[in-house]
């Protein structure tokens, strides 16, 4: 069965047979899959009045464990949110009563961000729906195929410098 990327590759082969367009088979599919998966996840988050970045902040705080919270810098490093967006996200989440910001005991200039009880309840409610969405998105792949794809993508990300330092 052909997909959109197959059509693009055929068109390039016809118009520029002198070029090797084979990287588009991977990059094009990664790009299209990312857009489609993101749309599915956005629908799930929207059903809980969240956006992807807000979900990520709440999930990062939740998986960090039951400690006193994270600094905005640590939160940024551990999440998928850029440093420029973290303050805005925290402002919105704090206004909704989902996170708290308190002065750091170890750094008088810093703050510590933590989940409020409402934030913990929300992320605990949303997470099963999020995982159900991810399961549905990946339903066409066997467990072995998922593992192989995850390993291949990890190798690609590592080659692009996306590693834990």
Protein backbone atom coordinates (compact mmCIF):
# COMPACT_ATOMS: atom_id res chain seq x y z
CA UNK A 1 0.00 0.00 0.00
CA UNK A 2 1.41 3.39 -1.01
CA UNK A 3 1.39 6.48 1.18
CA UNK A 4 1.89 10.19 0.55
CA UNK A 5 5.66 9.89 0.89
CA UNK A 6 5.75 7.22 -1.83
CA UNK A 7 4.06 9.70 -4.15
CA UNK A 8 6.61 12.40 -3.28
CA UNK A 9 9.48 9.99 -3.92
CA UNK A 10 8.02 8.97 -7.30
CA UNK A 11 7.63 12.61 -8.29
CA UNK A 12 11.22 13.45 -7.35
CA UNK A 13 12.48 10.36 -9.18
CA UNK A 14 10.68 11.54 -12.30
CA UNK A 15 11.76 15.18 -12.01
CA UNK A 16 15.28 14.77 -10.58
CA UNK A 17 16.49 11.22 -11.25
CA UNK A 18 20.04 12.46 -10.68
CA UNK A 19 19.36 12.93 -6.92
CA UNK A 20 19.03 10.29 -4.22
CA UNK A 21 15.79 11.29 -2.52
CA UNK A 22 15.73 8.16 -0.32
CA UNK A 23 16.29 10.13 2.92
CA UNK A 24 12.85 11.62 2.32
CA UNK A 25 11.38 8.14 2.86
CA UNK A 26 12.42 8.36 6.52
CA UNK A 27 12.36 12.09 7.22
CA UNK A 28 9.07 12.62 5.41
CA UNK A 29 7.41 9.79 7.31
CA UNK A 30 8.84 10.96 10.64
CA UNK A 31 7.52 14.43 9.95
CA UNK A 32 4.06 13.24 8.89
CA UNK A 33 3.84 10.79 11.80
CA UNK A 34 4.85 13.53 14.22
CA UNK A 35 2.08 15.83 12.96
CA UNK A 36 -0.55 13.08 13.09
CA UNK A 37 0.48 11.84 16.54
CA UNK A 38 0.65 15.41 17.86
CA UNK A 39 -2.90 16.05 16.64
CA UNK A 40 -4.14 12.94 18.47
CA UNK A 41 -2.37 13.92 21.67
CA UNK A 42 -3.66 17.51 21.44
CA UNK A 43 -7.23 16.16 21.26
CA UNK A 44 -6.66 14.09 24.38
CA UNK A 45 -5.14 17.04 26.26
CA UNK A 46 -7.85 19.44 25.09
CA UNK A 47 -10.50 17.12 26.54
CA UNK A 48 -8.88 17.92 29.91
CA UNK A 49 -8.37 21.64 29.21
CA UNK A 50 -4.63 21.23 28.68
CA UNK A 51 -2.18 21.81 25.86
CA UNK A 52 0.87 19.62 25.19
CA UNK A 53 3.33 21.91 26.99
CA UNK A 54 1.14 22.21 30.08
CA UNK A 55 0.68 18.44 30.17
CA UNK A 56 4.44 18.01 29.89
CA UNK A 57 5.12 20.37 32.81
CA UNK A 58 2.56 18.61 35.01
CA UNK A 59 3.83 15.17 33.96
CA UNK A 60 7.44 16.17 34.60
CA UNK A 61 6.59 17.34 38.10
CA UNK A 62 4.56 14.18 38.76
CA UNK A 63 7.22 11.75 37.61
CA UNK A 64 9.91 13.62 39.55
CA UNK A 65 8.45 12.02 42.66
CA UNK A 66 7.11 13.19 45.98
CA UNK A 67 9.77 15.70 46.90
CA UNK A 68 9.69 19.44 47.34
CA UNK A 69 9.44 20.24 43.63
CA UNK A 70 11.83 21.39 40.92
CA UNK A 71 13.47 24.67 40.07
CA UNK A 72 12.35 26.18 36.75
CA UNK A 73 15.79 25.32 35.33
CA UNK A 74 15.55 21.68 36.42
CA UNK A 75 11.97 21.55 35.18
CA UNK A 76 13.03 22.88 31.79
CA UNK A 77 15.86 20.33 31.52
CA UNK A 78 13.58 17.44 32.48
CA UNK A 79 10.65 18.44 30.29
CA UNK A 80 10.07 18.99 26.60
CA UNK A 81 9.37 22.70 27.09
CA UNK A 82 11.85 25.39 26.05
CA UNK A 83 13.23 27.79 28.64
CA UNK A 84 11.48 30.70 26.94
CA UNK A 85 8.11 29.01 27.34
CA UNK A 86 8.52 27.73 30.89
CA UNK A 87 7.67 30.98 32.68
CA UNK A 88 4.55 31.48 30.60
CA UNK A 89 3.43 27.90 31.20
CA UNK A 90 4.09 28.16 34.91
CA UNK A 91 2.13 31.44 35.09
CA UNK A 92 -0.88 29.78 33.44
CA UNK A 93 -0.67 26.63 35.54
CA UNK A 94 -0.28 28.62 38.75
CA UNK A 95 -3.26 30.83 37.83
CA UNK A 96 -5.32 27.64 37.45
CA UNK A 97 -4.15 26.40 40.84
CA UNK A 98 -2.30 23.42 39.35
CA UNK A 99 1.23 24.32 40.50
CA UNK A 100 2.77 26.37 43.27
CA UNK A 101 5.92 28.43 43.25
CA UNK A 102 7.66 28.99 46.54
CA UNK A 103 10.98 30.63 47.38
CA UNK A 104 13.88 28.21 47.37
CA UNK A 105 15.32 27.48 50.80
CA UNK A 106 18.76 26.86 49.30
CA UNK A 107 18.84 29.85 46.90
CA UNK A 108 17.22 33.06 48.05
CA UNK A 109 16.78 34.27 44.48
CA UNK A 110 15.28 31.05 43.14
CA UNK A 111 11.89 29.40 43.30
CA UNK A 112 10.71 25.82 43.52
CA UNK A 113 7.77 24.62 41.44
CA UNK A 114 5.56 21.84 42.77
CA UNK A 115 2.24 20.26 41.91
CA UNK A 116 -0.72 21.45 43.93
CA UNK A 117 -3.25 18.86 45.06
CA UNK A 118 -5.43 19.89 42.10
CA UNK A 119 -2.46 19.55 39.72
CA UNK A 120 -1.64 16.08 41.03
CA UNK A 121 -5.28 15.03 40.69
CA UNK A 122 -5.46 16.38 37.13
CA UNK A 123 -2.28 14.70 35.90
CA UNK A 124 -3.32 11.45 37.57
CA UNK A 125 -6.65 11.68 35.73
CA UNK A 126 -5.16 12.63 32.34
CA UNK A 127 -2.25 10.17 32.26
CA UNK A 128 -4.33 7.01 31.63
CA UNK A 129 -6.14 8.77 28.76
CA UNK A 130 -2.79 9.90 27.34
CA UNK A 131 -1.44 6.34 27.46
CA UNK A 132 -4.63 5.01 25.85
CA UNK A 133 -4.14 7.50 23.01
CA UNK A 134 -0.53 6.39 22.57
CA UNK A 135 -1.59 2.73 22.59
CA UNK A 136 -4.23 3.47 19.93
CA UNK A 137 -1.73 5.39 17.79
CA UNK A 138 0.71 2.47 17.92
CA UNK A 139 -1.89 -0.29 17.56
CA UNK A 140 -0.73 -1.20 14.04
CA UNK A 141 2.70 -2.22 15.39
CA UNK A 142 3.50 -5.41 17.26
CA UNK A 143 5.43 -5.23 20.51
CA UNK A 144 8.55 -6.35 18.67
CA UNK A 145 8.06 -3.65 16.02
CA UNK A 146 7.56 -1.00 18.72
CA UNK A 147 10.76 -2.07 20.46
CA UNK A 148 12.71 -2.04 17.18
CA UNK A 149 11.33 1.39 16.23
CA UNK A 150 12.07 2.80 19.68
CA UNK A 151 15.66 1.52 19.47
CA UNK A 152 16.16 2.91 15.98
CA UNK A 153 14.75 6.30 16.96
CA UNK A 154 16.96 6.36 20.09
CA UNK A 155 20.00 5.75 17.88
CA UNK A 156 18.94 8.56 15.54
CA UNK A 157 18.34 10.98 18.43
CA UNK A 158 21.71 10.10 19.99
CA UNK A 159 23.41 10.77 16.66
CA UNK A 160 21.79 14.20 16.64
CA UNK A 161 23.12 14.98 20.13
CA UNK A 162 19.88 14.39 22.02
CA UNK A 163 21.38 12.60 25.02
CA UNK A 164 21.40 12.96 28.78
CA UNK A 165 24.52 14.73 29.86
